[in-house]
C-alpha atoms as a PDB file:
ATOM      1  CA  MET A   1     -10.528  17.707  13.260  1.00  0.00           C
ATOM      2  CA  HIS A   2      -8.280  16.491  15.756  1.00  0.00           C
ATOM      3  CA  THR A   3      -4.211  17.164  15.100  1.00  0.00           C
ATOM      4  CA  ILE A   4      -1.883  15.140  17.107  1.00  0.00           C
ATOM      5  CA  SER A   5       1.741  14.726  17.178  1.00  0.00           C
ATOM      6  CA  ASP A   6       1.923  12.432  20.411  1.00  0.00           C
ATOM      7  CA  ILE A   7       1.196   9.175  21.633  1.00  0.00           C
ATOM      8  CA  LYS A   8      -0.381   9.904  25.260  1.00  0.00           C
ATOM      9  CA  SER A   9      -2.833  12.705  23.405  1.00  0.00           C
ATOM     10  CA  LEU A  10      -3.724  10.541  20.881  1.00  0.00           C
ATOM     11  CA  ARG A  11      -4.640   7.589  23.554  1.00  0.00           C
ATOM     12  CA  ASN A  12      -6.617   9.989  25.993  1.00  0.00           C
ATOM     13  CA  LEU A  13      -8.598  10.956  23.212  1.00  0.00           C
ATOM     14  CA  LEU A  14      -9.235   7.783  22.065  1.00  0.00           C
ATOM     15  CA  ASN A  15      -9.835   6.174  25.383  1.00  0.00           C
ATOM     16  CA  ALA A  16     -12.730   8.786  25.324  1.00  0.00           C
ATOM     17  CA  THR A  17     -13.959   7.917  22.352  1.00  0.00           C
ATOM     18  CA  ARG A  18     -14.649   4.507  22.817  1.00  0.00           C
ATOM     19  CA  GLN A  19     -15.837   5.110  26.042  1.00  0.00           C
ATOM     20  CA  ALA A  20     -18.589   7.426  24.602  1.00  0.00           C
ATOM     21  CA  GLY A  21     -19.380   3.912  22.326  1.00  0.00           C
ATOM     22  CA  ASN A  22     -17.558   4.758  19.479  1.00  0.00           C
ATOM     23  CA  SER A  23     -15.820   2.355  16.681  1.00  0.00           C
ATOM     24  CA  VAL A  24     -12.489   3.539  15.711  1.00  0.00           C
ATOM     25  CA  GLY A  25     -10.870   3.057  12.448  1.00  0.00           C
ATOM     26  CA  LEU A  26      -7.784   4.067  11.225  1.00  0.00           C
ATOM     27  CA  VAL A  27      -6.056   4.963   7.844  1.00  0.00           C
ATOM     28  CA  PRO A  28      -1.970   4.540   7.816  1.00  0.00           C
ATOM     29  CA  THR A  29      -0.512   6.956   5.300  1.00  0.00           C
ATOM     30  CA  MET A  30       2.824   8.653   4.743  1.00  0.00           C
ATOM     31  CA  GLY A  31       1.233  11.835   3.380  1.00  0.00           C
ATOM     32  CA  ASN A  32       0.931  13.200  -0.074  1.00  0.00           C
ATOM     33  CA  LEU A  33      -2.310  12.506  -0.010  1.00  0.00           C
ATOM     34  CA  HIS A  34      -3.967  12.112  -3.520  1.00  0.00           C
ATOM     35  CA  ASP A  35      -7.778  10.498  -4.575  1.00  0.00           C
ATOM     36  CA  GLY A  36      -6.798   7.133  -3.956  1.00  0.00           C
ATOM     37  CA  HIS A  37      -5.811   8.158  -0.404  1.00  0.00           C
ATOM     38  CA  LEU A  38      -8.919   9.764  -0.012  1.00  0.00           C
ATOM     39  CA  GLU A  39     -11.099   6.978  -1.238  1.00  0.00           C
ATOM     40  CA  LEU A  40      -9.134   4.782   2.001  1.00  0.00           C
ATOM     41  CA  VAL A  41     -10.476   7.765   4.562  1.00  0.00           C
ATOM     42  CA  LYS A  42     -13.798   7.734   2.913  1.00  0.00           C
ATOM     43  CA  THR A  43     -14.133   3.885   3.559  1.00  0.00           C
ATOM     44  CA  ALA A  44     -13.147   4.276   6.994  1.00  0.00           C
ATOM     45  CA  ARG A  45     -15.603   6.820   7.719  1.00  0.00           C
ATOM     46  CA  ALA A  46     -18.285   4.479   6.398  1.00  0.00           C
ATOM     47  CA  ASN A  47     -17.442   1.334   8.594  1.00  0.00           C
ATOM     48  CA  SER A  48     -16.489   3.274  12.112  1.00  0.00           C
ATOM     49  CA  ASP A  49     -17.783   6.179  14.017  1.00  0.00           C
ATOM     50  CA  PHE A  50     -14.607   7.940  14.522  1.00  0.00           C
ATOM     51  CA  VAL A  51     -11.743   7.971  11.432  1.00  0.00           C
ATOM     52  CA  VAL A  52      -7.612   8.599  12.593  1.00  0.00           C
ATOM     53  CA  CYS A  53      -5.743   9.039   9.600  1.00  0.00           C
ATOM     54  CA  SER A  54      -1.299   9.065  10.509  1.00  0.00           C
ATOM     55  CA  ILE A  55       0.938  10.530   8.040  1.00  0.00           C
ATOM     56  CA  PHE A  56       4.347   9.217   9.007  1.00  0.00           C
ATOM     57  CA  VAL A  57       7.283   9.087   6.443  1.00  0.00           C
ATOM     58  CA  ASN A  58       8.861   5.766   7.765  1.00  0.00           C
ATOM     59  CA  PRO A  59      12.240   5.848   7.849  1.00  0.00           C
ATOM     60  CA  LEU A  60      12.735   2.102   8.646  1.00  0.00           C
ATOM     61  CA  GLN A  61      11.333   1.320   4.961  1.00  0.00           C
ATOM     62  CA  PHE A  62      13.244   3.077   3.030  1.00  0.00           C
ATOM     63  CA  GLY A  63      16.694   1.103   1.807  1.00  0.00           C
ATOM     64  CA  PRO A  64      20.017   3.057   1.721  1.00  0.00           C
ATOM     65  CA  ASN A  65      19.402   4.567  -1.855  1.00  0.00           C
ATOM     66  CA  GLU A  66      15.855   5.102  -1.906  1.00  0.00           C
ATOM     67  CA  ASP A  67      14.148   8.801  -1.937  1.00  0.00           C
ATOM     68  CA  LEU A  68      13.120   9.281   1.767  1.00  0.00           C
ATOM     69  CA  GLU A  69      14.448  12.729   1.972  1.00  0.00           C
ATOM     70  CA  ALA A  70      12.876  13.780  -1.467  1.00  0.00           C
ATOM     71  CA  TYR A  71       9.471  11.718  -0.591  1.00  0.00           C
ATOM     72  CA  PRO A  72       7.221  14.337  -1.266  1.00  0.00           C
ATOM     73  CA  ARG A  73       6.166  16.230   2.018  1.00  0.00           C
ATOM     74  CA  THR A  74       2.456  18.182   1.485  1.00  0.00           C
ATOM     75  CA  LEU A  75       1.287  18.192   5.520  1.00  0.00           C
ATOM     76  CA  GLY A  76      -0.748  21.744   4.820  1.00  0.00           C
ATOM     77  CA  GLU A  77      -2.879  20.657   1.507  1.00  0.00           C
ATOM     78  CA  ASP A  78      -3.106  17.025   3.143  1.00  0.00           C
ATOM     79  CA  ILE A  79      -4.606  18.505   6.549  1.00  0.00           C
ATOM     80  CA  ALA A  80      -6.847  20.200   4.049  1.00  0.00           C
ATOM     81  CA  LYS A  81      -7.833  17.418   1.899  1.00  0.00           C
ATOM     82  CA  LEU A  82      -8.763  15.243   5.390  1.00  0.00           C
ATOM     83  CA  ALA A  83     -10.453  17.909   6.950  1.00  0.00           C
ATOM     84  CA  ALA A  84     -13.236  18.444   4.194  1.00  0.00           C
ATOM     85  CA  ILE A  85     -14.004  14.835   4.034  1.00  0.00           C
ATOM     86  CA  GLY A  86     -14.645  14.572   7.400  1.00  0.00           C
ATOM     87  CA  CYS A  87     -11.790  12.661   8.918  1.00  0.00           C
ATOM     88  CA  ASP A  88     -11.801  13.365  12.408  1.00  0.00           C
ATOM     89  CA  CYS A  89      -8.444  12.935  13.550  1.00  0.00           C
ATOM     90  CA  LEU A  90      -4.784  13.157  12.062  1.00  0.00           C
ATOM     91  CA  PHE A  91      -2.022  11.567  13.640  1.00  0.00           C
ATOM     92  CA  MET A  92       1.241  13.259  12.307  1.00  0.00           C
ATOM     93  CA  PRO A  93       4.092  11.762  15.021  1.00  0.00           C
ATOM     94  CA  THR A  94       7.868  12.755  14.726  1.00  0.00           C
ATOM     95  CA  VAL A  95      10.455  10.192  14.226  1.00  0.00           C
ATOM     96  CA  ALA A  96      11.475  10.223  17.577  1.00  0.00           C
ATOM     97  CA  GLU A  97       7.833   9.644  18.702  1.00  0.00           C
ATOM     98  CA  ILE A  98       7.619   6.219  16.961  1.00  0.00           C
ATOM     99  CA  TYR A  99      11.085   5.108  17.141  1.00  0.00           C
ATOM    100  CA  GLY A 100      12.871   6.607  20.194  1.00  0.00           C
ATOM    101  CA  ASP A 101      16.106   7.814  19.557  1.00  0.00           C
ATOM    102  CA  ASN A 102      17.607   4.691  18.434  1.00  0.00           C
ATOM    103  CA  LEU A 103      16.112   3.629  15.293  1.00  0.00           C
ATOM    104  CA  GLN A 104      18.992   1.194  14.629  1.00  0.00           C
ATOM    105  CA  ALA A 105      17.873  -1.005  17.584  1.00  0.00           C
ATOM    106  CA  GLN A 106      14.315  -1.021  16.992  1.00  0.00           C
ATOM    107  CA  THR A 107      12.207  -4.386  18.013  1.00  0.00           C
ATOM    108  CA  ILE A 108      11.253  -5.388  14.059  1.00  0.00           C
ATOM    109  CA  VAL A 109       8.449  -7.050  13.335  1.00  0.00           C
ATOM    110  CA  THR A 110       8.959  -9.632   9.980  1.00  0.00           C
ATOM    111  CA  VAL A 111       6.619 -11.857   8.036  1.00  0.00           C
ATOM    112  CA  PRO A 112       8.179 -14.398   6.403  1.00  0.00           C
ATOM    113  CA  GLU A 113       7.743 -16.084   3.070  1.00  0.00           C
ATOM    114  CA  LEU A 114       5.465 -13.277   1.732  1.00  0.00           C
ATOM    115  CA  SER A 115       7.800 -10.760   2.473  1.00  0.00           C
ATOM    116  CA  GLU A 116      10.525 -12.583   0.478  1.00  0.00           C
ATOM    117  CA  ASN A 117      10.044 -12.134  -3.317  1.00  0.00           C
ATOM    118  CA  TYR A 118       9.017  -9.132  -5.635  1.00  0.00           C
ATOM    119  CA  CYS A 119       9.065  -6.430  -3.861  1.00  0.00           C
ATOM    120  CA  GLY A 120      10.783  -7.807  -0.815  1.00  0.00           C
ATOM    121  CA  LYS A 121      13.626  -8.725  -3.163  1.00  0.00           C
ATOM    122  CA  SER A 122      14.331  -5.561  -5.134  1.00  0.00           C
ATOM    123  CA  ARG A 123      13.941  -3.596  -1.640  1.00  0.00           C
ATOM    124  CA  PRO A 124      15.519  -5.735   1.654  1.00  0.00           C
ATOM    125  CA  GLY A 125      14.102  -5.145   4.200  1.00  0.00           C
ATOM    126  CA  HIS A 126      11.439  -2.733   2.860  1.00  0.00           C
ATOM    127  CA  PHE A 127       8.297  -5.061   4.326  1.00  0.00           C
ATOM    128  CA  ALA A 128      10.035  -5.085   7.589  1.00  0.00           C
ATOM    129  CA  GLY A 129       9.704  -1.289   8.124  1.00  0.00           C
ATOM    130  CA  VAL A 130       6.150  -1.786   6.927  1.00  0.00           C
ATOM    131  CA  ALA A 131       5.052  -4.353   9.197  1.00  0.00           C
ATOM    132  CA  THR A 132       6.688  -2.803  11.993  1.00  0.00           C
ATOM    133  CA  VAL A 133       5.192   0.528  11.778  1.00  0.00           C
ATOM    134  CA  VAL A 134       2.255  -1.231  11.078  1.00  0.00           C
ATOM    135  CA  SER A 135       2.231  -3.148  14.211  1.00  0.00           C
ATOM    136  CA  LYS A 136       2.855  -0.116  16.475  1.00  0.00           C
ATOM    137  CA  LEU A 137       0.073   2.016  14.674  1.00  0.00           C
ATOM    138  CA  PHE A 138      -1.939  -0.767  15.882  1.00  0.00           C
ATOM    139  CA  ASN A 139      -0.674  -0.868  19.080  1.00  0.00           C
ATOM    140  CA  ILE A 140      -1.408   3.270  19.451  1.00  0.00           C
ATOM    141  CA  VAL A 141      -4.484   3.366  17.807  1.00  0.00           C
ATOM    142  CA  GLN A 142      -6.245   0.124  18.848  1.00  0.00           C
ATOM    143  CA  PRO A 143      -8.929   0.187  16.085  1.00  0.00           C
ATOM    144  CA  ASN A 144     -11.846  -1.637  15.227  1.00  0.00           C
ATOM    145  CA  SER A 145     -10.743  -1.285  11.915  1.00  0.00           C
ATOM    146  CA  ALA A 146      -7.917  -0.500   9.540  1.00  0.00           C
ATOM    147  CA  VAL A 147      -7.965   0.524   5.793  1.00  0.00           C
ATOM    148  CA  PHE A 148      -5.410   0.029   3.098  1.00  0.00           C
ATOM    149  CA  GLY A 149      -5.337   0.243  -0.550  1.00  0.00           C
ATOM    150  CA  LEU A 150      -4.765  -2.834  -2.773  1.00  0.00           C
ATOM    151  CA  LYS A 151      -2.465  -1.505  -5.320  1.00  0.00           C
ATOM    152  CA  ASP A 152       0.400  -2.357  -3.062  1.00  0.00           C
ATOM    153  CA  TYR A 153      -1.399  -6.072  -3.121  1.00  0.00           C
ATOM    154  CA  GLN A 154       1.757  -7.885  -1.537  1.00  0.00           C
ATOM    155  CA  GLN A 155       2.022  -5.413   1.396  1.00  0.00           C
ATOM    156  CA  TYR A 156      -1.768  -5.579   2.430  1.00  0.00           C
ATOM    157  CA  LEU A 157      -1.214  -9.797   2.363  1.00  0.00           C
ATOM    158  CA  ILE A 158       1.750  -9.197   4.513  1.00  0.00           C
ATOM    159  CA  ILE A 159      -0.316  -6.884   6.896  1.00  0.00           C
ATOM    160  CA  GLN A 160      -3.391  -9.447   6.539  1.00  0.00           C
ATOM    161  CA  LYS A 161      -0.618 -12.511   7.479  1.00  0.00           C
ATOM    162  CA  MET A 162       0.693 -10.331  10.820  1.00  0.00           C
ATOM    163  CA  VAL A 163      -2.946  -9.391  11.952  1.00  0.00           C
ATOM    164  CA  THR A 164      -3.931 -13.529  12.167  1.00  0.00           C
ATOM    165  CA  ASP A 165      -0.461 -14.232  13.526  1.00  0.00           C
ATOM    166  CA  LEU A 166       0.074 -11.885  16.253  1.00  0.00           C
ATOM    167  CA  LYS A 167      -3.554 -11.915  17.148  1.00  0.00           C
ATOM    168  CA  PHE A 168      -4.690  -8.081  16.351  1.00  0.00           C
ATOM    169  CA  ASP A 169      -8.425  -8.138  17.082  1.00  0.00           C
ATOM    170  CA  ILE A 170      -9.218  -5.870  14.315  1.00  0.00           C
ATOM    171  CA  GLN A 171     -10.692  -6.167  10.906  1.00  0.00           C
ATOM    172  CA  LEU A 172      -8.745  -5.257   7.526  1.00  0.00           C
ATOM    173  CA  ILE A 173     -10.272  -3.367   4.869  1.00  0.00           C
ATOM    174  CA  GLY A 174      -8.994  -3.453   1.536  1.00  0.00           C
ATOM    175  CA  VAL A 175      -9.642  -0.948  -1.325  1.00  0.00           C
ATOM    176  CA  GLU A 176      -9.517  -1.196  -4.734  1.00  0.00           C
ATOM    177  CA  ILE A 177      -7.023   0.730  -6.554  1.00  0.00           C
ATOM    178  CA  GLN A 178      -7.852   4.240  -7.693  1.00  0.00           C
ATOM    179  CA  ARG A 179      -6.707   5.138 -11.536  1.00  0.00           C
ATOM    180  CA  GLU A 180      -6.451   8.000 -13.938  1.00  0.00           C
ATOM    181  CA  ALA A 181      -8.761   8.465 -16.913  1.00  0.00           C
ATOM    182  CA  HIS A 182      -6.043   6.262 -18.519  1.00  0.00           C
ATOM    183  CA  GLY A 183      -5.149   3.818 -16.230  1.00  0.00           C
ATOM    184  CA  LEU A 184      -2.486   4.508 -14.400  1.00  0.00           C
ATOM    185  CA  ALA A 185      -2.748   3.986 -10.383  1.00  0.00           C
ATOM    186  CA  LEU A 186      -2.602   6.284  -8.213  1.00  0.00           C
ATOM    187  CA  SER A 187       0.434   6.952  -6.739  1.00  0.00           C
ATOM    188  CA  SER A 188       2.392   9.685  -4.733  1.00  0.00           C
ATOM    189  CA  ARG A 189       5.279   9.018  -6.902  1.00  0.00           C
ATOM    190  CA  ASN A 190       3.520  10.059 -10.206  1.00  0.00           C
ATOM    191  CA  ARG A 191       3.982  13.457  -9.165  1.00  0.00           C
ATOM    192  CA  TYR A 192       7.641  13.346 -10.100  1.00  0.00           C
ATOM    193  CA  LEU A 193       6.971  12.227 -13.349  1.00  0.00           C
ATOM    194  CA  SER A 194       6.369  14.773 -16.485  1.00  0.00           C
ATOM    195  CA  ASP A 195       3.019  14.481 -18.654  1.00  0.00           C
ATOM    196  CA  GLU A 196       4.764  12.455 -21.213  1.00  0.00           C
ATOM    197  CA  GLN A 197       5.978   9.820 -19.097  1.00  0.00           C
ATOM    198  CA  LEU A 198       2.491   9.969 -17.014  1.00  0.00           C
ATOM    199  CA  GLN A 199       0.959   8.292 -20.613  1.00  0.00           C
ATOM    200  CA  LYS A 200       3.622   6.467 -20.830  1.00  0.00           C
ATOM    201  CA  ALA A 201       3.087   4.716 -17.491  1.00  0.00           C
ATOM    202  CA  ALA A 202      -0.328   3.723 -18.444  1.00  0.00           C
ATOM    203  CA  LEU A 203       1.402   0.588 -20.544  1.00  0.00           C
ATOM    204  CA  ILE A 204       1.768  -0.891 -17.435  1.00  0.00           C
ATOM    205  CA  TYR A 205      -1.903  -1.043 -16.817  1.00  0.00           C
ATOM    206  CA  GLN A 206      -2.397  -2.272 -20.176  1.00  0.00           C
ATOM    207  CA  CYS A 207      -0.314  -5.190 -20.520  1.00  0.00           C
ATOM    208  CA  LEU A 208      -1.971  -6.170 -17.228  1.00  0.00           C
ATOM    209  CA  LEU A 209      -5.681  -6.050 -18.994  1.00  0.00           C
ATOM    210  CA  ASP A 210      -4.111  -7.853 -21.672  1.00  0.00           C
ATOM    211  CA  ILE A 211      -2.290 -10.662 -20.287  1.00  0.00           C
ATOM    212  CA  LYS A 212      -5.590 -11.185 -18.116  1.00  0.00           C
ATOM    213  CA  LYS A 213      -7.434 -11.384 -20.957  1.00  0.00           C
ATOM    214  CA  ARG A 214      -5.197 -14.018 -22.599  1.00  0.00           C
ATOM    215  CA  ILE A 215      -5.370 -16.222 -19.091  1.00  0.00           C
ATOM    216  CA  LEU A 216      -8.985 -15.752 -19.067  1.00  0.00           C
ATOM    217  CA  LYS A 217      -9.320 -17.303 -22.684  1.00  0.00           C
ATOM    218  CA  GLY A 218      -7.428 -20.081 -21.760  1.00  0.00           C
ATOM    219  CA  ASP A 219      -3.873 -19.551 -22.186  1.00  0.00           C
ATOM    220  CA  ASP A 220      -1.757 -21.173 -19.336  1.00  0.00           C
ATOM    221  CA  ASN A 221       1.709 -20.762 -19.900  1.00  0.00           C
ATOM    222  CA  PHE A 222       2.448 -18.266 -17.858  1.00  0.00           C
ATOM    223  CA  SER A 223       6.113 -17.933 -18.111  1.00  0.00           C
ATOM    224  CA  ASN A 224       5.642 -17.198 -21.310  1.00  0.00           C
ATOM    225  CA  LEU A 225       2.936 -14.195 -20.660  1.00  0.00           C
ATOM    226  CA  GLU A 226       5.280 -12.796 -18.403  1.00  0.00           C
ATOM    227  CA  ALA A 227       8.030 -12.907 -20.670  1.00  0.00           C
ATOM    228  CA  MET A 228       5.836 -11.220 -23.590  1.00  0.00           C
ATOM    229  CA  ALA A 229       4.863  -8.584 -20.960  1.00  0.00           C
ATOM    230  CA  VAL A 230       8.123  -7.598 -19.929  1.00  0.00           C
ATOM    231  CA  GLU A 231       9.259  -7.682 -23.421  1.00  0.00           C
ATOM    232  CA  ARG A 232       6.524  -5.322 -24.078  1.00  0.00           C
ATOM    233  CA  LEU A 233       7.324  -3.001 -21.596  1.00  0.00           C
ATOM    234  CA  THR A 234      10.935  -3.167 -22.057  1.00  0.00           C
ATOM    235  CA  ASP A 235      11.017  -2.222 -25.610  1.00  0.00           C
ATOM    236  CA  SER A 236       8.551   0.665 -24.531  1.00  0.00           C
ATOM    237  CA  GLY A 237      11.586   2.354 -22.349  1.00  0.00           C
ATOM    238  CA  PHE A 238      10.784   0.616 -18.910  1.00  0.00           C
ATOM    239  CA  ALA A 239      13.146  -1.104 -16.423  1.00  0.00           C
ATOM    240  CA  VAL A 240      11.044  -3.679 -15.509  1.00  0.00           C
ATOM    241  CA  ASP A 241      11.214  -5.188 -12.119  1.00  0.00           C
ATOM    242  CA  TYR A 242       9.295  -7.785 -12.017  1.00  0.00           C
ATOM    243  CA  PHE A 243       6.267  -9.017 -13.809  1.00  0.00           C
ATOM    244  CA  ALA A 244       4.433 -12.216 -12.308  1.00  0.00           C
ATOM    245  CA  ILE A 245       1.552 -13.922 -12.560  1.00  0.00           C
ATOM    246  CA  CYS A 246       0.232 -15.809  -9.300  1.00  0.00           C
ATOM    247  CA  ASN A 247      -2.319 -17.276  -7.084  1.00  0.00           C
ATOM    248  CA  SER A 248      -3.683 -14.103  -5.612  1.00  0.00           C
ATOM    249  CA  ALA A 249      -4.137 -16.177  -1.851  1.00  0.00           C
ATOM    250  CA  ASN A 250      -0.742 -16.519  -1.308  1.00  0.00           C
ATOM    251  CA  LEU A 251       1.721 -14.916  -4.001  1.00  0.00           C
ATOM    252  CA  GLN A 252       3.139 -18.420  -4.993  1.00  0.00           C
ATOM    253  CA  ARG A 253       3.939 -18.618  -9.038  1.00  0.00           C
ATOM    254  CA  ALA A 254       0.822 -19.662 -10.723  1.00  0.00           C
ATOM    255  CA  ALA A 255       0.118 -23.154 -11.530  1.00  0.00           C
ATOM    256  CA  LYS A 256      -2.487 -24.633 -13.996  1.00  0.00           C
ATOM    257  CA  GLN A 257      -4.800 -25.639 -11.571  1.00  0.00           C
ATOM    258  CA  ASP A 258      -5.357 -22.709 -10.193  1.00  0.00           C
ATOM    259  CA  CYS A 259      -8.538 -20.485 -10.207  1.00  0.00           C
ATOM    260  CA  ASP A 260      -7.566 -17.060  -8.503  1.00  0.00           C
ATOM    261  CA  PHE A 261      -4.965 -14.931  -9.927  1.00  0.00           C
ATOM    262  CA  VAL A 262      -2.799 -11.577  -9.056  1.00  0.00           C
ATOM    263  CA  ILE A 263      -0.711 -10.124 -11.810  1.00  0.00           C
ATOM    264  CA  LEU A 264       1.572  -8.370  -9.984  1.00  0.00           C
ATOM    265  CA  ALA A 265       3.822  -5.545 -12.097  1.00  0.00           C
ATOM    266  CA  ALA A 266       6.557  -3.330 -10.638  1.00  0.00           C
ATOM    267  CA  ALA A 267       8.529  -1.042 -13.577  1.00  0.00           C
ATOM    268  CA  GLN A 268      10.655   2.035 -13.695  1.00  0.00           C
ATOM    269  CA  VAL A 269       9.454   5.083 -15.100  1.00  0.00           C
ATOM    270  CA  GLY A 270      11.948   8.022 -15.470  1.00  0.00           C
ATOM    271  CA  PRO A 271      12.394   8.895 -11.379  1.00  0.00           C
ATOM    272  CA  SER A 272       9.586   6.648 -10.379  1.00  0.00           C
ATOM    273  CA  ARG A 273       8.823   2.815 -10.109  1.00  0.00           C
ATOM    274  CA  LEU A 274       5.431   2.013 -10.293  1.00  0.00           C
ATOM    275  CA  LEU A 275       3.198  -0.589  -8.670  1.00  0.00           C
ATOM    276  CA  ASP A 276       0.219  -2.468 -10.210  1.00  0.00           C
ATOM    277  CA  ASN A 277      -1.579  -5.426 -10.138  1.00  0.00           C
ATOM    278  CA  VAL A 278      -5.126  -7.299 -11.393  1.00  0.00           C
ATOM    279  CA  ARG A 279      -7.032  -9.730  -9.823  1.00  0.00           C
ATOM    280  CA  PHE A 280      -9.228 -12.216 -11.398  1.00  0.00           C
ATOM    281  CA  SER A 281     -10.894 -15.740 -11.269  1.00  0.00           C
ATOM    282  CA  LEU A 282     -11.772 -17.969 -13.556  1.00  0.00           C
ATOM    283  CA  ALA A 283     -15.051 -18.681 -14.354  1.00  0.00           C
ATOM    284  CA  SER A 284     -16.198 -22.209 -12.552  1.00  0.00           C
END
């Protein structure tokens, strides 16, 4: 596996790769890789000839009171995991390599509307940081395809719109959420949780499934269903950021005539803010 930290060397390698007739797949990550990340790399491997995984803890998407410095960095373990599953190249740039010497004066990519609610409301500037670094990685790597997990469903739709609006010639591939045996969505922030908190955190997914079941049975009082779920989680000791029933295409609040849904949830468990969602369609 090639391990590269500078843009020029990566571009030289990828130019030679493309000249040899190989397609390139990109998996952007912030490292601290778990089985969910590895599933993204495996998906890229199945859909491209040459796989680049990036590890970059992006300061632009962290707010002033968030866990940038505490974010777990496990580079040695990550390299071993990527090599074991056949990743072709690890790109691990420094902050200076991506942003130069003035992070505060960066050109910023913003995606309106989709970025404004849910995580965008709770974490101002977060999605501008995500869109900016992903657009930089797209320009650096120029992949044929890029693979993202659907746990961060709002993020996926934002990147999808950015690709469309900025005319990136890239196929986006979304990979379903990977879960623990008890249902908790895999996340790097799960490492912060005790065994007891991990078991408790699985209630988020259970609430999502319960509300999905009620909608499939015909309950379309969405505000009441949301309030019911928030109350259940709050009574169990969660600090709920949001629990929202939405149209899965545009994240507008669900309407009675909708057929395709996503239920989004974000809640604090101990030191970790956890995201999850379920997507489903009503039978026609």
